[in-house]
Amino acid sequence: KKQSHKIAEQGRRNRMNVAIQELYTLLPLDFIHRYQQDKTDKGEVIIPSKATTVEVACDYIRWLR
């Protein structure tokens, strides 16, 4: 039972990672660069991460509205 839970959890993490990677590829590079420049101008450090990808995607979707 423990082993099947581990396998299911690893599968879920893999799906999330693939989805976040795909989400990143769907974002226009110029939008990503503007986002990074804006954060840098504010003195914030940009650390590429899953959370950053989701934040940029949310900002992009808001911008599309």
PDB file of N, CA and C in Angstrom:
ATOM      1  N   LYS A   1       0.837  -1.196   0.000  1.00  0.00           N
ATOM      2  CA  LYS A   1       0.000   0.000   0.000  1.00  0.00           C
ATOM      3  C   LYS A   1       0.881   1.259   0.000  1.00  0.00           C
ATOM      4  N   LYS A   2       1.915   1.259   0.829  1.00  0.00           N
ATOM      5  CA  LYS A   2       2.810   2.401   0.908  1.00  0.00           C
ATOM      6  C   LYS A   2       3.499   2.638  -0.439  1.00  0.00           C
ATOM      7  N   GLN A   3       3.924   1.540  -1.066  1.00  0.00           N
ATOM      8  CA  GLN A   3       4.629   1.638  -2.342  1.00  0.00           C
ATOM      9  C   GLN A   3       3.697   2.177  -3.432  1.00  0.00           C
ATOM     10  N   SER A   4       2.457   1.741  -3.456  1.00  0.00           N
ATOM     11  CA  SER A   4       1.525   2.220  -4.489  1.00  0.00           C
ATOM     12  C   SER A   4       1.229   3.715  -4.288  1.00  0.00           C
ATOM     13  N   HIS A   5       1.205   4.170  -3.038  1.00  0.00           N
ATOM     14  CA  HIS A   5       1.008   5.593  -2.765  1.00  0.00           C
ATOM     15  C   HIS A   5       2.200   6.394  -3.276  1.00  0.00           C
ATOM     16  N   LYS A   6       3.409   5.893  -3.048  1.00  0.00           N
ATOM     17  CA  LYS A   6       4.622   6.564  -3.527  1.00  0.00           C
ATOM     18  C   LYS A   6       4.600   6.684  -5.049  1.00  0.00           C
ATOM     19  N   ILE A   7       4.213   5.618  -5.714  1.00  0.00           N
ATOM     20  CA  ILE A   7       4.170   5.610  -7.178  1.00  0.00           C
ATOM     21  C   ILE A   7       3.115   6.593  -7.680  1.00  0.00           C
ATOM     22  N   ALA A   8       1.963   6.598  -7.053  1.00  0.00           N
ATOM     23  CA  ALA A   8       0.898   7.526  -7.457  1.00  0.00           C
ATOM     24  C   ALA A   8       1.330   8.967  -7.230  1.00  0.00           C
ATOM     25  N   GLU A   9       1.992   9.228  -6.129  1.00  0.00           N
ATOM     26  CA  GLU A   9       2.450  10.589  -5.816  1.00  0.00           C
ATOM     27  C   GLU A   9       3.530  11.039  -6.795  1.00  0.00           C
ATOM     28  N   GLN A  10       4.434  10.156  -7.155  1.00  0.00           N
ATOM     29  CA  GLN A  10       5.466  10.486  -8.144  1.00  0.00           C
ATOM     30  C   GLN A  10       4.825  10.782  -9.506  1.00  0.00           C
ATOM     31  N   GLY A  11       3.812  10.016  -9.857  1.00  0.00           N
ATOM     32  CA  GLY A  11       3.090  10.261 -11.111  1.00  0.00           C
ATOM     33  C   GLY A  11       2.425  11.632 -11.113  1.00  0.00           C
ATOM     34  N   ARG A  12       1.839  12.005  -9.989  1.00  0.00           N
ATOM     35  CA  ARG A  12       1.199  13.320  -9.876  1.00  0.00           C
ATOM     36  C   ARG A  12       2.239  14.436 -10.009  1.00  0.00           C
ATOM     37  N   ARG A  13       3.380  14.278  -9.334  1.00  0.00           N
ATOM     38  CA  ARG A  13       4.439  15.288  -9.437  1.00  0.00           C
ATOM     39  C   ARG A  13       4.964  15.400 -10.866  1.00  0.00           C
ATOM     40  N   ASN A  14       5.135  14.276 -11.523  1.00  0.00           N
ATOM     41  CA  ASN A  14       5.600  14.292 -12.914  1.00  0.00           C
ATOM     42  C   ASN A  14       4.613  15.029 -13.812  1.00  0.00           C
ATOM     43  N   ARG A  15       3.341  14.763 -13.636  1.00  0.00           N
ATOM     44  CA  ARG A  15       2.312  15.454 -14.437  1.00  0.00           C
ATOM     45  C   ARG A  15       2.347  16.957 -14.203  1.00  0.00           C
ATOM     46  N   MET A  16       2.489  17.368 -12.944  1.00  0.00           N
ATOM     47  CA  MET A  16       2.572  18.794 -12.620  1.00  0.00           C
ATOM     48  C   MET A  16       3.799  19.425 -13.269  1.00  0.00           C
ATOM     49  N   ASN A  17       4.937  18.752 -13.182  1.00  0.00           N
ATOM     50  CA  ASN A  17       6.166  19.288 -13.765  1.00  0.00           C
ATOM     51  C   ASN A  17       6.050  19.442 -15.272  1.00  0.00           C
ATOM     52  N   VAL A  18       5.492  18.452 -15.934  1.00  0.00           N
ATOM     53  CA  VAL A  18       5.315  18.521 -17.386  1.00  0.00           C
ATOM     54  C   VAL A  18       4.358  19.651 -17.744  1.00  0.00           C
ATOM     55  N   ALA A  19       3.272  19.787 -16.997  1.00  0.00           N
ATOM     56  CA  ALA A  19       2.295  20.849 -17.274  1.00  0.00           C
ATOM     57  C   ALA A  19       2.911  22.234 -17.079  1.00  0.00           C
ATOM     58  N   ILE A  20       3.705  22.411 -16.051  1.00  0.00           N
ATOM     59  CA  ILE A  20       4.340  23.709 -15.797  1.00  0.00           C
ATOM     60  C   ILE A  20       5.381  24.012 -16.876  1.00  0.00           C
ATOM     61  N   GLN A  21       6.119  23.001 -17.299  1.00  0.00           N
ATOM     62  CA  GLN A  21       7.085  23.204 -18.389  1.00  0.00           C
ATOM     63  C   GLN A  21       6.372  23.609 -19.675  1.00  0.00           C
ATOM     64  N   GLU A  22       5.259  22.960 -19.956  1.00  0.00           N
ATOM     65  CA  GLU A  22       4.496  23.301 -21.159  1.00  0.00           C
ATOM     66  C   GLU A  22       3.927  24.713 -21.054  1.00  0.00           C
ATOM     67  N   LEU A  23       3.433  25.061 -19.883  1.00  0.00           N
ATOM     68  CA  LEU A  23       2.909  26.401 -19.659  1.00  0.00           C
ATOM     69  C   LEU A  23       3.978  27.446 -19.967  1.00  0.00           C
ATOM     70  N   TYR A  24       5.198  27.205 -19.518  1.00  0.00           N
ATOM     71  CA  TYR A  24       6.305  28.131 -19.771  1.00  0.00           C
ATOM     72  C   TYR A  24       6.544  28.284 -21.272  1.00  0.00           C
ATOM     73  N   THR A  25       6.494  27.180 -22.018  1.00  0.00           N
ATOM     74  CA  THR A  25       6.751  27.258 -23.464  1.00  0.00           C
ATOM     75  C   THR A  25       5.650  28.012 -24.199  1.00  0.00           C
ATOM     76  N   LEU A  26       4.478  28.118 -23.609  1.00  0.00           N
ATOM     77  CA  LEU A  26       3.363  28.823 -24.241  1.00  0.00           C
ATOM     78  C   LEU A  26       3.426  30.334 -24.040  1.00  0.00           C
ATOM     79  N   LEU A  27       4.263  30.779 -23.099  1.00  0.00           N
ATOM     80  CA  LEU A  27       4.379  32.214 -22.830  1.00  0.00           C
ATOM     81  C   LEU A  27       5.298  32.868 -23.854  1.00  0.00           C
ATOM     82  N   PRO A  28       4.903  34.038 -24.379  1.00  0.00           N
ATOM     83  CA  PRO A  28       5.785  34.745 -25.311  1.00  0.00           C
ATOM     84  C   PRO A  28       7.068  35.190 -24.600  1.00  0.00           C
ATOM     85  N   LEU A  29       8.205  34.983 -25.268  1.00  0.00           N
ATOM     86  CA  LEU A  29       9.491  35.330 -24.661  1.00  0.00           C
ATOM     87  C   LEU A  29       9.592  36.815 -24.320  1.00  0.00           C
ATOM     88  N   ASP A  30       9.029  37.678 -25.161  1.00  0.00           N
ATOM     89  CA  ASP A  30       9.117  39.112 -24.856  1.00  0.00           C
ATOM     90  C   ASP A  30       8.357  39.439 -23.571  1.00  0.00           C
ATOM     91  N   PHE A  31       7.265  38.736 -23.306  1.00  0.00           N
ATOM     92  CA  PHE A  31       6.514  38.960 -22.074  1.00  0.00           C
ATOM     93  C   PHE A  31       7.330  38.498 -20.872  1.00  0.00           C
ATOM     94  N   ILE A  32       8.000  37.361 -20.995  1.00  0.00           N
ATOM     95  CA  ILE A  32       8.849  36.845 -19.910  1.00  0.00           C
ATOM     96  C   ILE A  32       9.973  37.831 -19.623  1.00  0.00           C
ATOM     97  N   HIS A  33      10.599  38.347 -20.689  1.00  0.00           N
ATOM     98  CA  HIS A  33      11.707  39.291 -20.508  1.00  0.00           C
ATOM     99  C   HIS A  33      11.227  40.584 -19.850  1.00  0.00           C
ATOM    100  N   ARG A  34      10.056  41.076 -20.274  1.00  0.00           N
ATOM    101  CA  ARG A  34       9.503  42.291 -19.640  1.00  0.00           C
ATOM    102  C   ARG A  34       9.217  42.038 -18.167  1.00  0.00           C
ATOM    103  N   TYR A  35       8.671  40.879 -17.848  1.00  0.00           N
ATOM    104  CA  TYR A  35       8.370  40.520 -16.464  1.00  0.00           C
ATOM    105  C   TYR A  35       9.656  40.503 -15.634  1.00  0.00           C
ATOM    106  N   GLN A  36      10.696  39.861 -16.179  1.00  0.00           N
ATOM    107  CA  GLN A  36      11.974  39.781 -15.469  1.00  0.00           C
ATOM    108  C   GLN A  36      12.584  41.162 -15.285  1.00  0.00           C
ATOM    109  N   GLN A  37      12.521  41.997 -16.328  1.00  0.00           N
ATOM    110  CA  GLN A  37      13.092  43.336 -16.245  1.00  0.00           C
ATOM    111  C   GLN A  37      12.352  44.179 -15.209  1.00  0.00           C
ATOM    112  N   ASP A  38      11.029  44.061 -15.190  1.00  0.00           N
ATOM    113  CA  ASP A  38      10.216  44.804 -14.220  1.00  0.00           C
ATOM    114  C   ASP A  38      10.596  44.427 -12.796  1.00  0.00           C
ATOM    115  N   LYS A  39      10.765  43.124 -12.548  1.00  0.00           N
ATOM    116  CA  LYS A  39      11.135  42.664 -11.204  1.00  0.00           C
ATOM    117  C   LYS A  39      12.538  43.135 -10.845  1.00  0.00           C
ATOM    118  N   THR A  40      13.460  43.078 -11.810  1.00  0.00           N
ATOM    119  CA  THR A  40      14.836  43.509 -11.565  1.00  0.00           C
ATOM    120  C   THR A  40      14.884  45.001 -11.267  1.00  0.00           C
ATOM    121  N   ASP A  41      14.099  45.788 -12.012  1.00  0.00           N
ATOM    122  CA  ASP A  41      14.041  47.233 -11.785  1.00  0.00           C
ATOM    123  C   ASP A  41      13.556  47.557 -10.375  1.00  0.00           C
ATOM    124  N   LYS A  42      12.725  46.695  -9.824  1.00  0.00           N
ATOM    125  CA  LYS A  42      12.208  46.901  -8.470  1.00  0.00           C
ATOM    126  C   LYS A  42      13.168  46.358  -7.412  1.00  0.00           C
ATOM    127  N   GLY A  43      14.316  45.837  -7.868  1.00  0.00           N
ATOM    128  CA  GLY A  43      15.299  45.309  -6.929  1.00  0.00           C
ATOM    129  C   GLY A  43      15.015  43.898  -6.464  1.00  0.00           C
ATOM    130  N   GLU A  44      14.074  43.226  -7.127  1.00  0.00           N
ATOM    131  CA  GLU A  44      13.742  41.857  -6.731  1.00  0.00           C
ATOM    132  C   GLU A  44      14.632  40.873  -7.484  1.00  0.00           C
ATOM    133  N   VAL A  45      14.926  39.772  -6.849  1.00  0.00           N
ATOM    134  CA  VAL A  45      15.742  38.734  -7.463  1.00  0.00           C
ATOM    135  C   VAL A  45      14.800  37.724  -8.117  1.00  0.00           C
ATOM    136  N   ILE A  46      15.087  37.420  -9.370  1.00  0.00           N
ATOM    137  CA  ILE A  46      14.281  36.445 -10.087  1.00  0.00           C
ATOM    138  C   ILE A  46      14.961  35.081  -9.987  1.00  0.00           C
ATOM    139  N   ILE A  47      14.274  34.133  -9.402  1.00  0.00           N
ATOM    140  CA  ILE A  47      14.769  32.770  -9.330  1.00  0.00           C
ATOM    141  C   ILE A  47      13.827  31.917 -10.177  1.00  0.00           C
ATOM    142  N   PRO A  48      14.339  31.386 -11.299  1.00  0.00           N
ATOM    143  CA  PRO A  48      13.464  30.558 -12.129  1.00  0.00           C
ATOM    144  C   PRO A  48      12.909  29.390 -11.301  1.00  0.00           C
ATOM    145  N   SER A  49      11.625  29.300 -11.245  1.00  0.00           N
ATOM    146  CA  SER A  49      10.992  28.249 -10.459  1.00  0.00           C
ATOM    147  C   SER A  49       9.605  27.975 -11.018  1.00  0.00           C
ATOM    148  N   LYS A  50       9.007  26.940 -10.499  1.00  0.00           N
ATOM    149  CA  LYS A  50       7.642  26.607 -10.901  1.00  0.00           C
ATOM    150  C   LYS A  50       6.697  27.733 -10.491  1.00  0.00           C
ATOM    151  N   ALA A  51       6.912  28.263  -9.308  1.00  0.00           N
ATOM    152  CA  ALA A  51       6.051  29.351  -8.824  1.00  0.00           C
ATOM    153  C   ALA A  51       6.169  30.578  -9.723  1.00  0.00           C
ATOM    154  N   THR A  52       7.392  30.902 -10.156  1.00  0.00           N
ATOM    155  CA  THR A  52       7.591  32.045 -11.048  1.00  0.00           C
ATOM    156  C   THR A  52       6.868  31.822 -12.364  1.00  0.00           C
ATOM    157  N   THR A  53       6.959  30.612 -12.891  1.00  0.00           N
ATOM    158  CA  THR A  53       6.263  30.292 -14.141  1.00  0.00           C
ATOM    159  C   THR A  53       4.769  30.513 -13.997  1.00  0.00           C
ATOM    160  N   VAL A  54       4.193  30.058 -12.913  1.00  0.00           N
ATOM    161  CA  VAL A  54       2.752  30.229 -12.696  1.00  0.00           C
ATOM    162  C   VAL A  54       2.415  31.709 -12.527  1.00  0.00           C
ATOM    163  N   GLU A  55       3.251  32.465 -11.806  1.00  0.00           N
ATOM    164  CA  GLU A  55       3.014  33.903 -11.635  1.00  0.00           C
ATOM    165  C   GLU A  55       3.047  34.635 -12.973  1.00  0.00           C
ATOM    166  N   VAL A  56       4.049  34.317 -13.795  1.00  0.00           N
ATOM    167  CA  VAL A  56       4.147  34.965 -15.107  1.00  0.00           C
ATOM    168  C   VAL A  56       2.945  34.596 -15.964  1.00  0.00           C
ATOM    169  N   ALA A  57       2.538  33.347 -15.922  1.00  0.00           N
ATOM    170  CA  ALA A  57       1.377  32.916 -16.705  1.00  0.00           C
ATOM    171  C   ALA A  57       0.114  33.651 -16.253  1.00  0.00           C
ATOM    172  N   CYS A  58      -0.059  33.826 -14.956  1.00  0.00           N
ATOM    173  CA  CYS A  58      -1.223  34.560 -14.437  1.00  0.00           C
ATOM    174  C   CYS A  58      -1.186  36.014 -14.908  1.00  0.00           C
ATOM    175  N   ASP A  59      -0.014  36.637 -14.825  1.00  0.00           N
ATOM    176  CA  ASP A  59       0.112  38.019 -15.296  1.00  0.00           C
ATOM    177  C   ASP A  59      -0.190  38.121 -16.785  1.00  0.00           C
ATOM    178  N   TYR A  60       0.276  37.159 -17.545  1.00  0.00           N
ATOM    179  CA  TYR A  60       0.032  37.168 -18.989  1.00  0.00           C
ATOM    180  C   TYR A  60      -1.458  37.027 -19.299  1.00  0.00           C
ATOM    181  N   ILE A  61      -2.128  36.137 -18.599  1.00  0.00           N
ATOM    182  CA  ILE A  61      -3.571  35.946 -18.802  1.00  0.00           C
ATOM    183  C   ILE A  61      -4.328  37.216 -18.437  1.00  0.00           C
ATOM    184  N   ARG A  62      -3.930  37.869 -17.328  1.00  0.00           N
ATOM    185  CA  ARG A  62      -4.553  39.147 -16.968  1.00  0.00           C
ATOM    186  C   ARG A  62      -4.321  40.190 -18.056  1.00  0.00           C
ATOM    187  N   TRP A  63      -3.098  40.217 -18.605  1.00  0.00           N
ATOM    188  CA  TRP A  63      -2.750  41.172 -19.657  1.00  0.00           C
ATOM    189  C   TRP A  63      -3.604  40.916 -20.904  1.00  0.00           C
ATOM    190  N   LEU A  64      -3.902  39.660 -21.190  1.00  0.00           N
ATOM    191  CA  LEU A  64      -4.721  39.332 -22.366  1.00  0.00           C
ATOM    192  C   LEU A  64      -6.160  39.842 -22.244  1.00  0.00           C
ATOM    193  N   ARG A  65      -6.633  39.948 -21.025  1.00  0.00           N
ATOM    194  CA  ARG A  65      -8.014  40.399 -20.806  1.00  0.00           C
ATOM    195  C   ARG A  65      -8.116  41.818 -21.251  1.00  0.00           C
TER     196      ARG A  65
END
